[in-house]
């Protein structure tokens, strides 16, 4: 079974937040039920957020609306910009490796 890599102790950063004892206990129980450590769960969620996983993006959009984190215009603008960015990527048919190769080429030319 492949596990998430734990960051190198020399370069890793600590991510911390506070919550209620009840929610922390529920998180621990849910993670145990799913066979995950809390740190693995959080790394998975952060990875999904960083990589713009559509499920996480949609969930966050719903939460922003439900908890009034942003106005409707701002939420709609973010969704529109995200969709536009995805369309541009598909227009050029570039994946992450292609983009990295382009930056490597540009770096070598300078």
N, C-alpha and C. Protein backbone atom coordinates (compact mmCIF):
# COMPACT_ATOMS: atom_id res chain seq x y z
N UNK A 1 0.83 -1.17 0.00
CA UNK A 1 0.00 0.00 0.00
C UNK A 1 0.89 1.24 0.00
N UNK A 2 0.65 2.12 -0.94
CA UNK A 2 1.42 3.35 -1.03
C UNK A 2 0.87 4.37 -0.04
N UNK A 3 1.75 4.94 0.77
CA UNK A 3 1.36 5.95 1.75
C UNK A 3 1.87 7.31 1.29
N UNK A 4 1.24 8.34 1.80
CA UNK A 4 1.71 9.69 1.52
C UNK A 4 3.09 9.89 2.13
N UNK A 5 3.92 10.60 1.40
CA UNK A 5 5.24 10.87 1.93
C UNK A 5 5.15 11.88 3.07
N UNK A 6 5.87 11.57 4.14
CA UNK A 6 5.96 12.50 5.25
C UNK A 6 7.09 13.47 4.91
N UNK A 7 6.86 14.75 5.03
CA UNK A 7 7.89 15.72 4.67
C UNK A 7 9.17 15.54 5.49
N UNK A 8 10.28 15.90 4.89
CA UNK A 8 11.59 15.83 5.53
C UNK A 8 11.60 16.68 6.80
N UNK A 9 12.00 16.13 7.93
CA UNK A 9 12.01 16.89 9.18
C UNK A 9 12.84 18.18 9.14
N UNK A 10 13.81 18.24 8.25
CA UNK A 10 14.66 19.43 8.16
C UNK A 10 13.99 20.59 7.42
N UNK A 11 13.01 20.28 6.56
CA UNK A 11 12.40 21.34 5.75
C UNK A 11 10.90 21.48 5.94
N UNK A 12 10.29 20.60 6.69
CA UNK A 12 8.84 20.63 6.82
C UNK A 12 8.37 21.83 7.63
N UNK A 13 7.11 22.19 7.42
CA UNK A 13 6.46 23.28 8.13
C UNK A 13 5.26 22.72 8.90
N UNK A 14 5.02 23.28 10.04
CA UNK A 14 3.90 22.84 10.87
C UNK A 14 2.66 23.64 10.50
N UNK A 15 1.56 22.94 10.25
CA UNK A 15 0.28 23.56 9.97
C UNK A 15 -0.62 23.22 11.17
N UNK A 16 -1.15 24.25 11.79
CA UNK A 16 -1.89 24.02 13.02
C UNK A 16 -3.11 24.93 13.08
N UNK A 17 -4.18 24.43 13.66
CA UNK A 17 -5.36 25.24 13.91
C UNK A 17 -6.07 24.69 15.14
N UNK A 18 -6.94 25.49 15.68
CA UNK A 18 -7.67 25.09 16.88
C UNK A 18 -9.09 24.71 16.52
N UNK A 19 -9.61 23.75 17.29
CA UNK A 19 -11.00 23.34 17.14
C UNK A 19 -11.50 22.86 18.50
N UNK A 20 -12.75 22.49 18.55
CA UNK A 20 -13.31 22.03 19.82
C UNK A 20 -12.87 20.59 20.11
N UNK A 21 -12.85 20.20 21.39
CA UNK A 21 -12.50 18.82 21.72
C UNK A 21 -13.45 17.81 21.06
N UNK A 22 -14.72 18.18 20.95
CA UNK A 22 -15.70 17.26 20.35
C UNK A 22 -15.40 17.02 18.87
N UNK A 23 -15.11 18.09 18.14
CA UNK A 23 -14.81 17.94 16.71
C UNK A 23 -13.50 17.19 16.49
N UNK A 24 -12.52 17.43 17.35
CA UNK A 24 -11.25 16.72 17.23
C UNK A 24 -11.46 15.23 17.48
N UNK A 25 -12.29 14.89 18.45
CA UNK A 25 -12.59 13.48 18.73
C UNK A 25 -13.32 12.84 17.56
N UNK A 26 -14.28 13.57 16.98
CA UNK A 26 -15.00 13.04 15.82
C UNK A 26 -14.07 12.85 14.63
N UNK A 27 -13.14 13.79 14.43
CA UNK A 27 -12.16 13.65 13.35
C UNK A 27 -11.31 12.41 13.56
N UNK A 28 -10.85 12.22 14.78
CA UNK A 28 -10.01 11.06 15.09
C UNK A 28 -10.77 9.75 14.84
N UNK A 29 -12.03 9.71 15.25
CA UNK A 29 -12.85 8.50 15.05
C UNK A 29 -13.06 8.24 13.56
N UNK A 30 -13.40 9.31 12.79
CA UNK A 30 -13.64 9.14 11.35
C UNK A 30 -12.37 8.68 10.63
N UNK A 31 -11.25 9.29 11.00
CA UNK A 31 -9.98 8.90 10.37
C UNK A 31 -9.66 7.45 10.69
N UNK A 32 -9.86 7.06 11.95
CA UNK A 32 -9.61 5.67 12.34
C UNK A 32 -10.52 4.74 11.55
N UNK A 33 -11.78 5.12 11.39
CA UNK A 33 -12.74 4.32 10.62
C UNK A 33 -12.26 4.13 9.18
N UNK A 34 -11.67 5.19 8.60
CA UNK A 34 -11.20 5.13 7.21
C UNK A 34 -9.75 4.66 7.08
N UNK A 35 -9.13 4.30 8.20
CA UNK A 35 -7.77 3.78 8.16
C UNK A 35 -6.72 4.84 7.87
N UNK A 36 -6.99 6.07 8.31
CA UNK A 36 -6.06 7.17 8.07
C UNK A 36 -5.60 7.78 9.39
N UNK A 37 -4.38 8.28 9.36
CA UNK A 37 -3.93 9.13 10.46
C UNK A 37 -4.49 10.53 10.18
N UNK A 38 -4.64 11.32 11.22
CA UNK A 38 -5.15 12.68 11.02
C UNK A 38 -4.24 13.47 10.08
N UNK A 39 -2.95 13.30 10.22
CA UNK A 39 -2.01 14.02 9.35
C UNK A 39 -2.16 13.59 7.90
N UNK A 40 -2.40 12.30 7.66
CA UNK A 40 -2.61 11.82 6.29
C UNK A 40 -3.88 12.43 5.70
N UNK A 41 -4.94 12.44 6.51
CA UNK A 41 -6.20 13.01 6.05
C UNK A 41 -6.00 14.47 5.65
N UNK A 42 -5.36 15.23 6.51
CA UNK A 42 -5.17 16.65 6.23
C UNK A 42 -4.27 16.87 5.02
N UNK A 43 -3.23 16.05 4.85
CA UNK A 43 -2.39 16.17 3.65
C UNK A 43 -3.19 15.87 2.39
N UNK A 44 -4.08 14.87 2.46
CA UNK A 44 -4.92 14.55 1.30
C UNK A 44 -5.83 15.72 0.94
N UNK A 45 -6.46 16.31 1.93
CA UNK A 45 -7.37 17.43 1.68
C UNK A 45 -6.59 18.63 1.12
N UNK A 46 -5.43 18.91 1.72
CA UNK A 46 -4.62 20.04 1.25
C UNK A 46 -4.16 19.78 -0.18
N UNK A 47 -3.77 18.57 -0.49
CA UNK A 47 -3.36 18.22 -1.86
C UNK A 47 -4.52 18.44 -2.83
N UNK A 48 -5.70 17.99 -2.47
CA UNK A 48 -6.87 18.20 -3.32
C UNK A 48 -7.16 19.67 -3.53
N UNK A 49 -6.99 20.46 -2.51
CA UNK A 49 -7.23 21.91 -2.60
C UNK A 49 -6.19 22.56 -3.51
N UNK A 50 -4.94 22.23 -3.29
CA UNK A 50 -3.85 22.80 -4.10
C UNK A 50 -4.01 22.44 -5.57
N UNK A 51 -4.42 21.20 -5.83
CA UNK A 51 -4.55 20.71 -7.21
C UNK A 51 -5.92 21.03 -7.81
N UNK A 52 -6.71 21.84 -7.14
CA UNK A 52 -8.04 22.23 -7.63
C UNK A 52 -8.94 21.04 -7.94
N UNK A 53 -8.95 20.06 -7.06
CA UNK A 53 -9.84 18.92 -7.23
C UNK A 53 -11.27 19.44 -7.29
N UNK A 54 -12.01 19.10 -8.35
CA UNK A 54 -13.36 19.67 -8.51
C UNK A 54 -14.29 19.37 -7.35
N UNK A 55 -14.14 18.22 -6.70
CA UNK A 55 -15.00 17.89 -5.56
C UNK A 55 -14.74 18.86 -4.40
N UNK A 56 -13.48 19.13 -4.16
CA UNK A 56 -13.12 20.03 -3.07
C UNK A 56 -13.50 21.47 -3.43
N UNK A 57 -13.26 21.86 -4.67
CA UNK A 57 -13.62 23.21 -5.11
C UNK A 57 -15.12 23.43 -4.95
N UNK A 58 -15.92 22.46 -5.37
CA UNK A 58 -17.38 22.58 -5.25
C UNK A 58 -17.81 22.60 -3.78
N UNK A 59 -17.19 21.76 -2.97
CA UNK A 59 -17.50 21.74 -1.54
C UNK A 59 -17.21 23.10 -0.90
N UNK A 60 -16.05 23.67 -1.22
CA UNK A 60 -15.69 24.98 -0.68
C UNK A 60 -16.65 26.07 -1.15
N UNK A 61 -17.05 25.99 -2.41
CA UNK A 61 -18.01 26.96 -2.94
C UNK A 61 -19.32 26.89 -2.14
N UNK A 62 -19.79 25.67 -1.89
CA UNK A 62 -21.01 25.49 -1.11
C UNK A 62 -20.84 26.02 0.32
N UNK A 63 -19.67 25.76 0.92
CA UNK A 63 -19.42 26.25 2.29
C UNK A 63 -19.35 27.77 2.33
N UNK A 64 -18.71 28.36 1.33
CA UNK A 64 -18.63 29.83 1.28
C UNK A 64 -20.03 30.43 1.21
N UNK A 65 -20.89 29.79 0.43
CA UNK A 65 -22.27 30.27 0.31
C UNK A 65 -23.03 30.06 1.61
N UNK A 66 -22.92 28.86 2.18
CA UNK A 66 -23.66 28.51 3.39
C UNK A 66 -23.25 29.38 4.58
N UNK A 67 -21.93 29.59 4.74
CA UNK A 67 -21.42 30.32 5.91
C UNK A 67 -21.12 31.79 5.60
N UNK A 68 -21.52 32.23 4.41
CA UNK A 68 -21.38 33.64 4.02
C UNK A 68 -19.93 34.15 4.13
N UNK A 69 -18.97 33.33 3.62
CA UNK A 69 -17.56 33.75 3.62
C UNK A 69 -17.29 34.81 2.58
N UNK A 70 -18.02 34.78 1.49
CA UNK A 70 -17.84 35.73 0.41
C UNK A 70 -19.20 36.09 -0.16
N UNK A 71 -19.25 37.24 -0.82
CA UNK A 71 -20.48 37.62 -1.50
C UNK A 71 -20.68 36.78 -2.75
N UNK A 72 -21.89 36.76 -3.25
CA UNK A 72 -22.23 35.97 -4.43
C UNK A 72 -21.41 36.39 -5.64
N UNK A 73 -21.22 37.70 -5.84
CA UNK A 73 -20.44 38.17 -7.00
C UNK A 73 -19.01 37.65 -6.94
N UNK A 74 -18.40 37.70 -5.76
CA UNK A 74 -17.02 37.23 -5.61
C UNK A 74 -16.93 35.73 -5.87
N UNK A 75 -17.87 34.96 -5.32
CA UNK A 75 -17.88 33.51 -5.53
C UNK A 75 -18.05 33.19 -7.01
N UNK A 76 -18.99 33.88 -7.66
CA UNK A 76 -19.24 33.64 -9.08
C UNK A 76 -18.01 34.01 -9.92
N UNK A 77 -17.35 35.10 -9.56
CA UNK A 77 -16.15 35.53 -10.29
C UNK A 77 -15.05 34.47 -10.16
N UNK A 78 -14.87 33.93 -8.97
CA UNK A 78 -13.85 32.89 -8.76
C UNK A 78 -14.18 31.66 -9.60
N UNK A 79 -15.45 31.24 -9.59
CA UNK A 79 -15.85 30.08 -10.40
C UNK A 79 -15.62 30.33 -11.89
N UNK A 80 -15.96 31.55 -12.33
CA UNK A 80 -15.78 31.90 -13.74
C UNK A 80 -14.30 31.87 -14.12
N UNK A 81 -13.44 32.44 -13.26
CA UNK A 81 -12.01 32.47 -13.54
C UNK A 81 -11.42 31.06 -13.53
N UNK A 82 -11.89 30.22 -12.60
CA UNK A 82 -11.42 28.84 -12.54
C UNK A 82 -11.80 28.09 -13.81
N UNK A 83 -13.05 28.27 -14.26
CA UNK A 83 -13.51 27.62 -15.49
C UNK A 83 -12.72 28.11 -16.69
N UNK A 84 -12.47 29.41 -16.75
CA UNK A 84 -11.69 29.98 -17.85
C UNK A 84 -10.29 29.40 -17.87
N UNK A 85 -9.68 29.26 -16.70
CA UNK A 85 -8.34 28.68 -16.62
C UNK A 85 -8.32 27.23 -17.08
N UNK A 86 -9.33 26.47 -16.70
CA UNK A 86 -9.43 25.07 -17.13
C UNK A 86 -9.62 24.99 -18.64
N UNK A 87 -10.44 25.88 -19.19
CA UNK A 87 -10.66 25.91 -20.63
C UNK A 87 -9.36 26.22 -21.37
N UNK A 88 -8.59 27.18 -20.86
CA UNK A 88 -7.32 27.53 -21.49
C UNK A 88 -6.35 26.35 -21.47
N UNK A 89 -6.30 25.65 -20.34
CA UNK A 89 -5.42 24.49 -20.26
C UNK A 89 -5.83 23.42 -21.27
N UNK A 90 -7.14 23.20 -21.41
CA UNK A 90 -7.57 22.18 -22.36
C UNK A 90 -7.38 22.65 -23.81
N UNK A 91 -7.50 23.98 -24.05
CA UNK A 91 -7.25 24.51 -25.39
C UNK A 91 -5.81 24.23 -25.83
N UNK A 92 -4.88 24.39 -24.89
CA UNK A 92 -3.47 24.17 -25.22
C UNK A 92 -3.05 22.73 -24.98
N UNK A 93 -3.92 21.92 -24.38
CA UNK A 93 -3.67 20.51 -24.09
C UNK A 93 -2.35 20.31 -23.36
N UNK A 94 -2.10 21.14 -22.36
CA UNK A 94 -0.87 21.04 -21.58
C UNK A 94 -1.17 20.42 -20.22
N UNK A 95 -0.33 19.47 -19.82
CA UNK A 95 -0.45 18.95 -18.46
C UNK A 95 0.69 19.53 -17.62
N UNK A 96 0.73 19.16 -16.35
CA UNK A 96 1.74 19.72 -15.44
C UNK A 96 3.16 19.45 -15.93
N UNK A 97 3.41 18.28 -16.49
CA UNK A 97 4.76 17.94 -16.98
C UNK A 97 5.14 18.82 -18.17
N UNK A 98 4.20 19.06 -19.07
CA UNK A 98 4.46 19.94 -20.21
C UNK A 98 4.80 21.35 -19.75
N UNK A 99 4.04 21.85 -18.80
CA UNK A 99 4.29 23.20 -18.29
C UNK A 99 5.65 23.28 -17.61
N UNK A 100 6.00 22.25 -16.85
CA UNK A 100 7.32 22.22 -16.19
C UNK A 100 8.43 22.20 -17.23
N UNK A 101 8.24 21.44 -18.31
CA UNK A 101 9.24 21.39 -19.38
C UNK A 101 9.41 22.75 -20.04
N UNK A 102 8.32 23.47 -20.24
CA UNK A 102 8.40 24.81 -20.83
C UNK A 102 9.23 25.72 -19.94
N UNK A 103 8.98 25.67 -18.64
CA UNK A 103 9.75 26.51 -17.71
C UNK A 103 11.22 26.11 -17.70
N UNK A 104 11.51 24.81 -17.83
CA UNK A 104 12.91 24.36 -17.88
C UNK A 104 13.59 24.91 -19.12
N UNK A 105 12.90 24.87 -20.25
CA UNK A 105 13.45 25.40 -21.50
C UNK A 105 13.71 26.89 -21.38
N UNK A 106 12.75 27.62 -20.84
CA UNK A 106 12.91 29.06 -20.68
C UNK A 106 14.07 29.38 -19.73
N UNK A 107 14.21 28.60 -18.68
CA UNK A 107 15.27 28.83 -17.70
C UNK A 107 16.65 28.60 -18.35
N UNK A 108 16.75 27.60 -19.21
CA UNK A 108 18.03 27.29 -19.88
C UNK A 108 18.39 28.33 -20.93
N UNK A 109 17.39 29.00 -21.49
CA UNK A 109 17.64 30.01 -22.51
C UNK A 109 18.14 31.33 -21.92
N UNK A 110 17.88 31.56 -20.65
CA UNK A 110 18.26 32.84 -20.04
C UNK A 110 19.69 32.87 -19.66
